[in-house]
């Protein structure tokens, strides 16, 4: 199972604009949620974790249908400069 790890940076792109990146840093976690910094500035928030096919996912902007989904399987090591 792919899980979010404390201190790791994860990122995703917006579905409608692949030039728009969203990045989070995991500060702490429980079995059902992660506390992250980002994706909009340095705001700290708690996000619920969803599991699909053994991979944890969060939706940092979960207010609309095309909000980005950030997966624990895709720890971002190469963000654009």
Protein backbone atom coordinates (compact mmCIF):
# COMPACT_ATOMS: atom_id res chain seq x y z
CA UNK A 1 0.00 0.00 0.00
CA UNK A 2 1.30 3.46 -0.92
CA UNK A 3 0.91 5.85 2.01
CA UNK A 4 1.75 9.50 2.62
CA UNK A 5 5.03 9.91 4.51
CA UNK A 6 5.80 12.79 6.87
CA UNK A 7 8.23 15.30 5.35
CA UNK A 8 7.65 14.17 1.75
CA UNK A 9 6.58 16.56 -1.01
CA UNK A 10 3.82 15.46 -3.36
CA UNK A 11 2.46 17.25 -6.43
CA UNK A 12 -0.15 17.08 -9.14
CA UNK A 13 -1.28 19.10 -12.13
CA UNK A 14 -4.63 20.69 -12.70
CA UNK A 15 -6.75 18.55 -15.08
CA UNK A 16 -7.63 21.50 -17.28
CA UNK A 17 -4.20 23.22 -17.34
CA UNK A 18 -1.06 21.07 -17.22
CA UNK A 19 1.10 24.15 -16.61
CA UNK A 20 -0.61 24.63 -13.23
CA UNK A 21 1.05 22.59 -10.45
CA UNK A 22 -0.22 21.99 -6.93
CA UNK A 23 2.34 20.94 -4.32
CA UNK A 24 1.85 19.80 -0.72
CA UNK A 25 4.30 18.89 2.05
CA UNK A 26 3.04 16.36 4.61
CA UNK A 27 3.57 17.68 8.16
CA UNK A 28 1.78 14.94 10.12
CA UNK A 29 -0.77 12.23 9.60
CA UNK A 30 -3.33 9.97 11.24
CA UNK A 31 -4.99 6.86 9.82
CA UNK A 32 -7.71 8.98 8.18
CA UNK A 33 -6.15 12.40 7.47
CA UNK A 34 -2.95 14.26 6.64
CA UNK A 35 -1.92 17.73 7.82
CA UNK A 36 -0.20 19.52 4.95
CA UNK A 37 1.40 22.81 3.99
CA UNK A 38 0.10 24.02 0.63
CA UNK A 39 -1.17 23.89 -2.05
CA UNK A 40 -1.98 27.61 -1.95
CA UNK A 41 0.97 29.34 -0.34
CA UNK A 42 2.03 28.32 3.15
CA UNK A 43 -1.47 27.68 4.50
CA UNK A 44 -1.61 24.61 6.78
CA UNK A 45 -4.70 22.44 6.51
CA UNK A 46 -5.96 18.94 7.31
CA UNK A 47 -7.17 16.83 4.40
CA UNK A 48 -9.12 13.56 4.52
CA UNK A 49 -7.40 10.54 2.99
CA UNK A 50 -9.17 8.38 0.43
CA UNK A 51 -7.83 4.96 -0.56
CA UNK A 52 -8.28 3.50 -4.04
CA UNK A 53 -6.54 0.30 -5.18
CA UNK A 54 -4.24 0.41 -2.14
CA UNK A 55 -3.00 3.95 -2.87
CA UNK A 56 -3.80 6.95 -0.65
CA UNK A 57 -5.12 10.11 -2.33
CA UNK A 58 -6.09 13.59 -1.17
CA UNK A 59 -7.97 16.40 -2.92
CA UNK A 60 -6.56 19.70 -1.63
CA UNK A 61 -9.16 21.80 -3.48
CA UNK A 62 -12.10 19.44 -3.04
CA UNK A 63 -14.73 22.04 -3.82
CA UNK A 64 -15.19 21.28 -7.51
CA UNK A 65 -15.30 18.32 -9.91
CA UNK A 66 -11.96 18.92 -11.63
CA UNK A 67 -9.92 19.63 -8.51
CA UNK A 68 -6.44 18.07 -8.53
CA UNK A 69 -5.93 14.66 -6.92
CA UNK A 70 -2.58 14.11 -5.22
CA UNK A 71 -1.49 10.50 -4.90
CA UNK A 72 0.90 8.95 -2.38
CA UNK A 73 2.29 6.80 -5.21
CA UNK A 74 3.61 9.90 -7.00
CA UNK A 75 6.06 11.62 -4.68
CA UNK A 76 7.29 14.51 -6.77
CA UNK A 77 11.03 14.68 -7.24
CA UNK A 78 11.05 16.78 -10.41
CA UNK A 79 8.92 19.89 -10.26
CA UNK A 80 9.39 22.61 -12.84
CA UNK A 81 11.92 25.28 -11.92
